[in-house]
Amino acid sequence: MTAENVIAVFGATGRQGGAVARELLRRGRRVRAIVRDPGRARDLAELGAEVVRGDMDDTASLDAALAGAHGVYSVQTFSGPDGTAGEERQGAAVAEAAARAGVGHFVYASVGGAERGTGIPHFESKWRIERRVGELGLPATVLRPAFFAENFAFMGPRWAGDELEIALALDPGKPLQVIATSDLGVIAADVFADPETYLGRRIEIAAESLTGEEIADSFARAAGLPVRFRSQPIEELAPYGEEVVTMFTWFNKEGYQADVPAVRAAHQGLGTLADWARENWTPPAR
């Protein structure tokens, strides 16, 4: 593999990094999948990826994993044992390793609204990582995705009597911007393919902007069954923790601000929530 071709993808066995790695491989790009457990990446290896063990908490491991790479896709999770502190530490470590390696294009996966002082801990951690990327002077693109369609795997419609109902703490008529990780993969691959357009940019991305009623309709079209929307009182989210309450409060007051028509015009073949639901969701048993 030549340096001009190698794109190192972190989190390649996860939903987001996996989608990016698969789309790059589909386009014939050379992918180095950086994972903690290579055994979990056999499917990527079969698709042609170079699978490398990498630990975002180990400097030597990161330096070895990024040696000779031209591009890097960096994504971290805040759901680990150290929460957002661990996410921030690992995000900074990957950026610093990329700077030492002299990579030509660093793509960081942040979140829509990261820069707008949301007070949501896992948004604020990503903003601090963004700032570290900037401090290092990396040739970078920051992608700021909206609400992932994959969240509906556990927030989707449930039976309420004889009808499917989706309960979301969204005000009636308030849109929520949504994107599937597969569409993020398409956008990330486009970004790597066109550095002249995307280097130095921070881009909020979403494939759709849907009200609660339109989200319900998306699932109805996927299932071929009626689905109603219930505007859930924010107080019902209290059992899920303060961070979730803060996030949905922000969705209602401000929310994501991607230019959806511009995103769809720039990136061909993006799907819809209904597309995602048809492929990934089935109505629960009664």
C-alpha atoms as a PDB file:
ATOM      1  CA  MET A   1       0.000   0.000   0.000  1.00  0.00           C
ATOM      2  CA  THR A   2       1.283   3.440  -0.868  1.00  0.00           C
ATOM      3  CA  ALA A   3       0.924   6.381   1.459  1.00  0.00           C
ATOM      4  CA  GLU A   4      -1.174   8.209  -1.146  1.00  0.00           C
ATOM      5  CA  ASN A   5      -3.824   5.519  -0.924  1.00  0.00           C
ATOM      6  CA  VAL A   6      -3.985   4.344   2.680  1.00  0.00           C
ATOM      7  CA  ILE A   7      -6.861   5.661   4.785  1.00  0.00           C
ATOM      8  CA  ALA A   8      -6.751   4.599   8.420  1.00  0.00           C
ATOM      9  CA  VAL A   9     -10.215   4.205   9.930  1.00  0.00           C
ATOM     10  CA  PHE A  10     -10.706   4.141  13.684  1.00  0.00           C
ATOM     11  CA  GLY A  11     -13.705   2.390  15.178  1.00  0.00           C
ATOM     12  CA  ALA A  12     -13.925   0.183  12.103  1.00  0.00           C
ATOM     13  CA  THR A  13     -15.855  -2.537  13.943  1.00  0.00           C
ATOM     14  CA  GLY A  14     -18.398   0.001  15.185  1.00  0.00           C
ATOM     15  CA  ARG A  15     -21.445   1.374  13.415  1.00  0.00           C
ATOM     16  CA  GLN A  16     -19.930   4.642  12.235  1.00  0.00           C
ATOM     17  CA  GLY A  17     -16.351   3.627  11.491  1.00  0.00           C
ATOM     18  CA  GLY A  18     -17.601   0.389   9.947  1.00  0.00           C
ATOM     19  CA  ALA A  19     -19.877   2.283   7.564  1.00  0.00           C
ATOM     20  CA  VAL A  20     -16.995   4.531   6.513  1.00  0.00           C
ATOM     21  CA  ALA A  21     -14.609   1.613   6.020  1.00  0.00           C
ATOM     22  CA  ARG A  22     -17.117  -0.352   3.934  1.00  0.00           C
ATOM     23  CA  GLU A  23     -17.957   2.580   1.686  1.00  0.00           C
ATOM     24  CA  LEU A  24     -14.271   3.338   1.099  1.00  0.00           C
ATOM     25  CA  LEU A  25     -13.620  -0.307   0.271  1.00  0.00           C
ATOM     26  CA  ARG A  26     -16.638  -0.380  -2.060  1.00  0.00           C
ATOM     27  CA  ARG A  27     -15.032   2.493  -3.964  1.00  0.00           C
ATOM     28  CA  GLY A  28     -11.729   0.688  -4.239  1.00  0.00           C
ATOM     29  CA  ARG A  29      -9.870   2.759  -1.655  1.00  0.00           C
ATOM     30  CA  ARG A  30      -7.133   1.197   0.471  1.00  0.00           C
ATOM     31  CA  VAL A  31      -8.372   0.939   4.041  1.00  0.00           C
ATOM     32  CA  ARG A  32      -6.439   0.245   7.218  1.00  0.00           C
ATOM     33  CA  ALA A  33      -8.982  -0.755   9.844  1.00  0.00           C
ATOM     34  CA  ILE A  34      -7.636   0.160  13.283  1.00  0.00           C
ATOM     35  CA  VAL A  35      -9.356  -1.951  15.923  1.00  0.00           C
ATOM     36  CA  ARG A  36      -8.794  -3.193  19.445  1.00  0.00           C
ATOM     37  CA  ASP A  37      -9.724  -6.781  18.538  1.00  0.00           C
ATOM     38  CA  PRO A  38      -8.704  -7.854  15.014  1.00  0.00           C
ATOM     39  CA  GLY A  39     -10.793 -10.990  15.406  1.00  0.00           C
ATOM     40  CA  ARG A  40     -13.939  -8.857  15.200  1.00  0.00           C
ATOM     41  CA  ALA A  41     -12.846  -7.380  11.859  1.00  0.00           C
ATOM     42  CA  ARG A  42     -12.675 -10.570   9.789  1.00  0.00           C
ATOM     43  CA  ASP A  43     -15.491  -9.342   7.536  1.00  0.00           C
ATOM     44  CA  LEU A  44     -13.529  -6.184   6.745  1.00  0.00           C
ATOM     45  CA  ALA A  45     -10.415  -8.233   6.053  1.00  0.00           C
ATOM     46  CA  GLU A  46     -12.438 -10.350   3.623  1.00  0.00           C
ATOM     47  CA  LEU A  47     -13.507  -7.150   1.849  1.00  0.00           C
ATOM     48  CA  GLY A  48      -9.845  -6.189   1.441  1.00  0.00           C
ATOM     49  CA  ALA A  49      -9.049  -4.066   4.465  1.00  0.00           C
ATOM     50  CA  GLU A  50      -5.699  -4.214   6.192  1.00  0.00           C
ATOM     51  CA  VAL A  51      -6.623  -4.908   9.823  1.00  0.00           C
ATOM     52  CA  VAL A  52      -4.295  -3.445  12.452  1.00  0.00           C
ATOM     53  CA  ARG A  53      -4.515  -3.641  16.213  1.00  0.00           C
ATOM     54  CA  GLY A  54      -4.598  -0.171  17.719  1.00  0.00           C
ATOM     55  CA  ASP A  55      -5.215   1.216  21.191  1.00  0.00           C
ATOM     56  CA  MET A  56      -6.199   4.883  21.417  1.00  0.00           C
ATOM     57  CA  ASP A  57      -4.775   4.982  24.939  1.00  0.00           C
ATOM     58  CA  ASP A  58      -1.332   3.785  23.846  1.00  0.00           C
ATOM     59  CA  THR A  59       0.940   6.260  22.055  1.00  0.00           C
ATOM     60  CA  ALA A  60       3.274   3.645  20.573  1.00  0.00           C
ATOM     61  CA  SER A  61       0.301   1.657  19.292  1.00  0.00           C
ATOM     62  CA  LEU A  62      -1.126   4.745  17.577  1.00  0.00           C
ATOM     63  CA  ASP A  63       2.195   5.689  16.010  1.00  0.00           C
ATOM     64  CA  ALA A  64       2.595   2.192  14.581  1.00  0.00           C
ATOM     65  CA  ALA A  65      -0.997   2.096  13.322  1.00  0.00           C
ATOM     66  CA  LEU A  66      -0.700   5.412  11.476  1.00  0.00           C
ATOM     67  CA  ALA A  67       2.757   4.875   9.979  1.00  0.00           C
ATOM     68  CA  GLY A  68       2.532   5.536   6.246  1.00  0.00           C
ATOM     69  CA  ALA A  69      -1.146   6.511   6.281  1.00  0.00           C
ATOM     70  CA  HIS A  70      -2.269   9.418   4.129  1.00  0.00           C
ATOM     71  CA  GLY A  71      -5.817   9.774   5.494  1.00  0.00           C
ATOM     72  CA  VAL A  72      -7.363   9.222   8.911  1.00  0.00           C
ATOM     73  CA  TYR A  73     -11.005   8.885   9.924  1.00  0.00           C
ATOM     74  CA  SER A  74     -11.205   9.554  13.651  1.00  0.00           C
ATOM     75  CA  VAL A  75     -14.222   8.667  15.789  1.00  0.00           C
ATOM     76  CA  GLN A  76     -14.466   7.951  19.513  1.00  0.00           C
ATOM     77  CA  THR A  77     -17.239   6.888  21.866  1.00  0.00           C
ATOM     78  CA  PHE A  78     -18.363   8.527  25.086  1.00  0.00           C
ATOM     79  CA  SER A  79     -20.053   5.334  26.269  1.00  0.00           C
ATOM     80  CA  GLY A  80     -16.851   3.750  27.613  1.00  0.00           C
ATOM     81  CA  PRO A  81     -15.951   3.448  31.289  1.00  0.00           C
ATOM     82  CA  ASP A  82     -14.354   6.920  31.354  1.00  0.00           C
ATOM     83  CA  GLY A  83     -17.281   8.641  29.632  1.00  0.00           C
ATOM     84  CA  THR A  84     -16.642  11.913  27.864  1.00  0.00           C
ATOM     85  CA  ALA A  85     -13.268  12.299  29.596  1.00  0.00           C
ATOM     86  CA  GLY A  86     -12.103   9.111  27.890  1.00  0.00           C
ATOM     87  CA  GLU A  87     -13.578  10.225  24.587  1.00  0.00           C
ATOM     88  CA  GLU A  88     -11.759  13.536  24.774  1.00  0.00           C
ATOM     89  CA  ARG A  89      -8.467  11.942  25.816  1.00  0.00           C
ATOM     90  CA  GLN A  90      -8.591   9.431  22.957  1.00  0.00           C
ATOM     91  CA  GLY A  91      -9.714  11.985  20.394  1.00  0.00           C
ATOM     92  CA  ALA A  92      -6.790  14.232  21.265  1.00  0.00           C
ATOM     93  CA  ALA A  93      -4.382  11.278  21.229  1.00  0.00           C
ATOM     94  CA  VAL A  94      -5.440  10.228  17.720  1.00  0.00           C
ATOM     95  CA  ALA A  95      -5.119  13.802  16.436  1.00  0.00           C
ATOM     96  CA  GLU A  96      -1.663  14.152  17.984  1.00  0.00           C
ATOM     97  CA  ALA A  97      -0.547  10.825  16.482  1.00  0.00           C
ATOM     98  CA  ALA A  98      -1.848  11.943  13.073  1.00  0.00           C
ATOM     99  CA  ALA A  99       0.168  15.150  13.394  1.00  0.00           C
ATOM    100  CA  ARG A 100       3.320  13.166  14.217  1.00  0.00           C
ATOM    101  CA  ALA A 101       2.673  10.877  11.238  1.00  0.00           C
ATOM    102  CA  GLY A 102       2.245  13.829   8.888  1.00  0.00           C
ATOM    103  CA  VAL A 103      -1.066  12.629   7.445  1.00  0.00           C
ATOM    104  CA  GLY A 104      -2.433  14.510   4.471  1.00  0.00           C
ATOM    105  CA  HIS A 105      -6.150  14.487   5.336  1.00  0.00           C
ATOM    106  CA  PHE A 106      -7.614  14.073   8.819  1.00  0.00           C
ATOM    107  CA  VAL A 107     -11.387  13.669   9.035  1.00  0.00           C
ATOM    108  CA  TYR A 108     -12.853  14.012  12.511  1.00  0.00           C
ATOM    109  CA  ALA A 109     -16.386  12.851  13.334  1.00  0.00           C
ATOM    110  CA  SER A 110     -17.870  15.414  15.706  1.00  0.00           C
ATOM    111  CA  VAL A 111     -21.578  16.246  16.177  1.00  0.00           C
ATOM    112  CA  GLY A 112     -23.951  18.865  14.848  1.00  0.00           C
ATOM    113  CA  GLY A 113     -24.012  21.882  17.143  1.00  0.00           C
ATOM    114  CA  ALA A 114     -20.718  21.053  18.850  1.00  0.00           C
ATOM    115  CA  GLU A 115     -19.547  24.655  18.544  1.00  0.00           C
ATOM    116  CA  ARG A 116     -22.761  26.268  19.806  1.00  0.00           C
ATOM    117  CA  GLY A 117     -22.425  25.864  23.593  1.00  0.00           C
ATOM    118  CA  THR A 118     -25.175  23.291  23.983  1.00  0.00           C
ATOM    119  CA  GLY A 119     -24.225  22.211  27.498  1.00  0.00           C
ATOM    120  CA  ILE A 120     -24.660  18.572  26.407  1.00  0.00           C
ATOM    121  CA  PRO A 121     -21.574  16.765  27.748  1.00  0.00           C
ATOM    122  CA  HIS A 122     -20.927  14.549  24.713  1.00  0.00           C
ATOM    123  CA  PHE A 123     -21.307  17.564  22.405  1.00  0.00           C
ATOM    124  CA  GLU A 124     -18.931  19.680  24.486  1.00  0.00           C
ATOM    125  CA  SER A 125     -16.288  16.930  24.515  1.00  0.00           C
ATOM    126  CA  LYS A 126     -16.347  16.808  20.725  1.00  0.00           C
ATOM    127  CA  TRP A 127     -15.965  20.582  20.530  1.00  0.00           C
ATOM    128  CA  ARG A 128     -12.849  20.355  22.691  1.00  0.00           C
ATOM    129  CA  ILE A 129     -11.461  17.666  20.366  1.00  0.00           C
ATOM    130  CA  GLU A 130     -12.249  19.882  17.367  1.00  0.00           C
ATOM    131  CA  ARG A 131     -10.287  22.676  19.002  1.00  0.00           C
ATOM    132  CA  ARG A 132      -7.323  20.368  19.596  1.00  0.00           C
ATOM    133  CA  VAL A 133      -7.364  19.360  15.928  1.00  0.00           C
ATOM    134  CA  GLY A 134      -7.223  23.044  15.058  1.00  0.00           C
ATOM    135  CA  GLU A 135      -4.392  23.742  17.500  1.00  0.00           C
ATOM    136  CA  LEU A 136      -2.309  21.014  15.880  1.00  0.00           C
ATOM    137  CA  GLY A 137      -2.704  22.584  12.450  1.00  0.00           C
ATOM    138  CA  LEU A 138      -3.815  19.314  10.876  1.00  0.00           C
ATOM    139  CA  PRO A 139      -5.065  19.368   7.279  1.00  0.00           C
ATOM    140  CA  ALA A 140      -8.559  18.467   8.395  1.00  0.00           C
ATOM    141  CA  THR A 141     -12.250  18.213   7.668  1.00  0.00           C
ATOM    142  CA  VAL A 142     -14.721  18.068  10.549  1.00  0.00           C
ATOM    143  CA  LEU A 143     -18.022  16.294   9.930  1.00  0.00           C
ATOM    144  CA  ARG A 144     -20.825  17.201  12.325  1.00  0.00           C
ATOM    145  CA  PRO A 145     -23.610  14.635  11.917  1.00  0.00           C
ATOM    146  CA  ALA A 146     -27.143  15.079  13.192  1.00  0.00           C
ATOM    147  CA  PHE A 147     -29.236  12.479  15.058  1.00  0.00           C
ATOM    148  CA  PHE A 148     -28.365   8.971  13.908  1.00  0.00           C
ATOM    149  CA  ALA A 149     -31.169   6.860  12.472  1.00  0.00           C
ATOM    150  CA  GLU A 150     -29.632   3.939  14.353  1.00  0.00           C
ATOM    151  CA  ASN A 151     -30.902   5.478  17.603  1.00  0.00           C
ATOM    152  CA  PHE A 152     -34.377   4.373  16.511  1.00  0.00           C
ATOM    153  CA  ALA A 153     -33.304   0.763  16.940  1.00  0.00           C
ATOM    154  CA  PHE A 154     -34.176   1.279  20.619  1.00  0.00           C
ATOM    155  CA  MET A 155     -36.357   4.415  20.340  1.00  0.00           C
ATOM    156  CA  GLY A 156     -38.615   3.179  17.554  1.00  0.00           C
ATOM    157  CA  PRO A 157     -42.366   2.571  17.567  1.00  0.00           C
ATOM    158  CA  ARG A 158     -43.956   0.287  20.133  1.00  0.00           C
ATOM    159  CA  TRP A 159     -47.421  -1.108  20.427  1.00  0.00           C
ATOM    160  CA  ALA A 160     -49.842   1.073  22.380  1.00  0.00           C
ATOM    161  CA  GLY A 161     -53.040  -0.913  22.436  1.00  0.00           C
ATOM    162  CA  ASP A 162     -53.871  -1.851  18.853  1.00  0.00           C
ATOM    163  CA  GLU A 163     -51.665   0.770  17.222  1.00  0.00           C
ATOM    164  CA  LEU A 164     -47.958   1.374  16.822  1.00  0.00           C
ATOM    165  CA  GLU A 165     -46.819   4.554  18.531  1.00  0.00           C
ATOM    166  CA  ILE A 166     -43.513   6.402  18.567  1.00  0.00           C
ATOM    167  CA  ALA A 167     -43.057   8.601  21.624  1.00  0.00           C
ATOM    168  CA  LEU A 168     -40.419  11.304  21.344  1.00  0.00           C
ATOM    169  CA  ALA A 169     -39.830  14.365  23.489  1.00  0.00           C
ATOM    170  CA  LEU A 170     -40.277  16.649  20.487  1.00  0.00           C
ATOM    171  CA  ASP A 171     -42.783  19.455  20.335  1.00  0.00           C
ATOM    172  CA  PRO A 172     -45.473  18.937  17.665  1.00  0.00           C
ATOM    173  CA  GLY A 173     -44.214  20.273  14.356  1.00  0.00           C
ATOM    174  CA  LYS A 174     -40.604  20.567  15.587  1.00  0.00           C
ATOM    175  CA  PRO A 175     -38.179  18.996  13.092  1.00  0.00           C
ATOM    176  CA  LEU A 176     -35.325  16.701  14.072  1.00  0.00           C
ATOM    177  CA  GLN A 177     -32.512  16.284  11.570  1.00  0.00           C
ATOM    178  CA  VAL A 178     -31.549  12.668  10.948  1.00  0.00           C
ATOM    179  CA  ILE A 179     -28.804  10.735   9.151  1.00  0.00           C
ATOM    180  CA  ALA A 180     -27.981   7.028   8.897  1.00  0.00           C
ATOM    181  CA  THR A 181     -24.410   5.878   9.450  1.00  0.00           C
ATOM    182  CA  SER A 182     -24.438   4.412   5.927  1.00  0.00           C
ATOM    183  CA  ASP A 183     -25.028   7.927   4.598  1.00  0.00           C
ATOM    184  CA  LEU A 184     -22.232   9.258   6.794  1.00  0.00           C
ATOM    185  CA  GLY A 185     -20.039   6.641   5.120  1.00  0.00           C
ATOM    186  CA  VAL A 186     -20.973   8.022   1.694  1.00  0.00           C
ATOM    187  CA  ILE A 187     -20.210  11.591   2.782  1.00  0.00           C
ATOM    188  CA  ALA A 188     -16.895  10.675   4.399  1.00  0.00           C
ATOM    189  CA  ALA A 189     -15.807   8.789   1.271  1.00  0.00           C
ATOM    190  CA  ASP A 190     -16.736  11.818  -0.855  1.00  0.00           C
ATOM    191  CA  VAL A 191     -14.677  14.041   1.452  1.00  0.00           C
ATOM    192  CA  PHE A 192     -11.591  11.851   1.110  1.00  0.00           C
ATOM    193  CA  ALA A 193     -12.083  11.758  -2.666  1.00  0.00           C
ATOM    194  CA  ASP A 194     -12.162  15.560  -2.998  1.00  0.00           C
ATOM    195  CA  PRO A 195      -9.701  17.166  -0.575  1.00  0.00           C
ATOM    196  CA  GLU A 196      -9.536  20.372  -2.593  1.00  0.00           C
ATOM    197  CA  THR A 197     -13.205  20.993  -1.776  1.00  0.00           C
ATOM    198  CA  TYR A 198     -13.270  19.779   1.807  1.00  0.00           C
ATOM    199  CA  LEU A 199      -9.946  20.469   3.492  1.00  0.00           C
ATOM    200  CA  GLY A 200     -10.301  23.146   6.157  1.00  0.00           C
ATOM    201  CA  ARG A 201     -14.087  22.849   6.391  1.00  0.00           C
ATOM    202  CA  ARG A 202     -16.423  22.015   9.284  1.00  0.00           C
ATOM    203  CA  ILE A 203     -19.706  20.735   7.903  1.00  0.00           C
ATOM    204  CA  GLU A 204     -22.974  19.935   9.673  1.00  0.00           C
ATOM    205  CA  ILE A 205     -24.623  17.009   7.889  1.00  0.00           C
ATOM    206  CA  ALA A 206     -28.081  15.446   7.805  1.00  0.00           C
ATOM    207  CA  ALA A 207     -30.068  13.558   5.188  1.00  0.00           C
ATOM    208  CA  GLU A 208     -33.533  14.685   6.324  1.00  0.00           C
ATOM    209  CA  SER A 209     -35.309  17.108   8.612  1.00  0.00           C
ATOM    210  CA  LEU A 210     -38.412  15.417  10.022  1.00  0.00           C
ATOM    211  CA  THR A 211     -41.116  16.369  12.491  1.00  0.00           C
ATOM    212  CA  GLY A 212     -42.349  13.757  14.934  1.00  0.00           C
ATOM    213  CA  GLU A 213     -45.337  13.184  12.684  1.00  0.00           C
ATOM    214  CA  GLU A 214     -43.054  12.659   9.680  1.00  0.00           C
ATOM    215  CA  ILE A 215     -40.862  10.268  11.670  1.00  0.00           C
ATOM    216  CA  ALA A 216     -43.986   8.238  12.471  1.00  0.00           C
ATOM    217  CA  ASP A 217     -44.946   8.290   8.774  1.00  0.00           C
ATOM    218  CA  SER A 218     -41.470   7.043   7.821  1.00  0.00           C
ATOM    219  CA  PHE A 219     -41.949   3.980  10.009  1.00  0.00           C
ATOM    220  CA  ALA A 220     -45.509   3.522   8.771  1.00  0.00           C
ATOM    221  CA  ARG A 221     -44.286   3.404   5.169  1.00  0.00           C
ATOM    222  CA  ALA A 222     -41.562   0.943   6.117  1.00  0.00           C
ATOM    223  CA  ALA A 223     -43.869  -1.362   8.060  1.00  0.00           C
ATOM    224  CA  GLY A 224     -47.008  -0.988   5.974  1.00  0.00           C
ATOM    225  CA  LEU A 225     -48.876  -0.296   9.219  1.00  0.00           C
ATOM    226  CA  PRO A 226     -50.255   2.868  10.815  1.00  0.00           C
ATOM    227  CA  VAL A 227     -47.882   4.546  13.269  1.00  0.00           C
ATOM    228  CA  ARG A 228     -48.866   7.532  15.395  1.00  0.00           C
ATOM    229  CA  PHE A 229     -46.611  10.101  17.012  1.00  0.00           C
ATOM    230  CA  ARG A 230     -46.931  11.053  20.668  1.00  0.00           C
ATOM    231  CA  SER A 231     -45.208  14.213  21.857  1.00  0.00           C
ATOM    232  CA  GLN A 232     -43.628  12.910  25.025  1.00  0.00           C
ATOM    233  CA  PRO A 233     -43.361  15.229  28.054  1.00  0.00           C
ATOM    234  CA  ILE A 234     -39.695  15.954  28.730  1.00  0.00           C
ATOM    235  CA  GLU A 235     -40.212  14.747  32.310  1.00  0.00           C
ATOM    236  CA  GLU A 236     -40.626  11.196  31.013  1.00  0.00           C
ATOM    237  CA  LEU A 237     -36.960  11.213  30.018  1.00  0.00           C
ATOM    238  CA  ALA A 238     -35.747  11.740  33.594  1.00  0.00           C
ATOM    239  CA  PRO A 239     -35.049   8.013  34.160  1.00  0.00           C
ATOM    240  CA  TYR A 240     -32.567   8.131  31.254  1.00  0.00           C
ATOM    241  CA  GLY A 241     -30.450  10.791  32.919  1.00  0.00           C
ATOM    242  CA  GLU A 242     -29.858  14.509  32.856  1.00  0.00           C
ATOM    243  CA  GLU A 243     -27.815  14.387  29.656  1.00  0.00           C
ATOM    244  CA  VAL A 244     -30.714  12.954  27.641  1.00  0.00           C
ATOM    245  CA  VAL A 245     -33.084  15.561  29.099  1.00  0.00           C
ATOM    246  CA  THR A 246     -30.624  18.344  28.209  1.00  0.00           C
ATOM    247  CA  MET A 247     -30.226  17.006  24.679  1.00  0.00           C
ATOM    248  CA  PHE A 248     -33.940  16.838  23.885  1.00  0.00           C
ATOM    249  CA  THR A 249     -34.484  20.243  25.481  1.00  0.00           C
ATOM    250  CA  TRP A 250     -31.851  21.563  23.052  1.00  0.00           C
ATOM    251  CA  PHE A 251     -33.524  19.755  20.134  1.00  0.00           C
ATOM    252  CA  ASN A 252     -36.722  21.686  20.867  1.00  0.00           C
ATOM    253  CA  LYS A 253     -35.108  25.069  21.512  1.00  0.00           C
ATOM    254  CA  GLU A 254     -32.423  25.105  18.821  1.00  0.00           C
ATOM    255  CA  GLY A 255     -31.479  21.770  17.282  1.00  0.00           C
ATOM    256  CA  TYR A 256     -29.264  20.769  14.401  1.00  0.00           C
ATOM    257  CA  GLN A 257     -28.716  23.253  11.585  1.00  0.00           C
ATOM    258  CA  ALA A 258     -27.519  21.266   8.578  1.00  0.00           C
ATOM    259  CA  ASP A 259     -28.447  22.620   5.158  1.00  0.00           C
ATOM    260  CA  VAL A 260     -30.187  19.421   4.088  1.00  0.00           C
ATOM    261  CA  PRO A 261     -30.829  20.379   0.429  1.00  0.00           C
ATOM    262  CA  ALA A 262     -27.163  21.362   0.044  1.00  0.00           C
ATOM    263  CA  VAL A 263     -25.980  18.133   1.680  1.00  0.00           C
ATOM    264  CA  ARG A 264     -28.173  16.027  -0.599  1.00  0.00           C
ATOM    265  CA  ALA A 265     -27.057  17.970  -3.663  1.00  0.00           C
ATOM    266  CA  ALA A 266     -23.384  17.474  -2.809  1.00  0.00           C
ATOM    267  CA  HIS A 267     -23.631  13.771  -1.978  1.00  0.00           C
ATOM    268  CA  GLN A 268     -25.531  11.500  -4.301  1.00  0.00           C
ATOM    269  CA  GLY A 269     -27.492   8.472  -3.157  1.00  0.00           C
ATOM    270  CA  LEU A 270     -28.307   9.448   0.420  1.00  0.00           C
ATOM    271  CA  GLY A 271     -31.227   7.528   1.873  1.00  0.00           C
ATOM    272  CA  THR A 272     -34.181   8.351   4.086  1.00  0.00           C
ATOM    273  CA  LEU A 273     -35.336   7.248   7.506  1.00  0.00           C
ATOM    274  CA  ALA A 274     -37.941   5.098   5.773  1.00  0.00           C
ATOM    275  CA  ASP A 275     -35.139   3.406   3.799  1.00  0.00           C
ATOM    276  CA  TRP A 276     -33.241   2.754   7.017  1.00  0.00           C
ATOM    277  CA  ALA A 277     -36.337   1.360   8.735  1.00  0.00           C
ATOM    278  CA  ARG A 278     -37.111  -1.002   5.856  1.00  0.00           C
ATOM    279  CA  GLU A 279     -33.631  -2.491   6.084  1.00  0.00           C
ATOM    280  CA  ASN A 280     -32.999  -2.412   9.824  1.00  0.00           C
ATOM    281  CA  TRP A 281     -36.264  -2.340  11.786  1.00  0.00           C
ATOM    282  CA  THR A 282     -39.221  -4.643  12.228  1.00  0.00           C
ATOM    283  CA  PRO A 283     -42.311  -3.953  14.335  1.00  0.00           C
ATOM    284  CA  PRO A 284     -41.977  -5.438  17.816  1.00  0.00           C
ATOM    285  CA  ALA A 285     -44.054  -8.414  18.824  1.00  0.00           C
ATOM    286  CA  ARG A 286     -47.290  -7.537  20.575  1.00  0.00           C
END
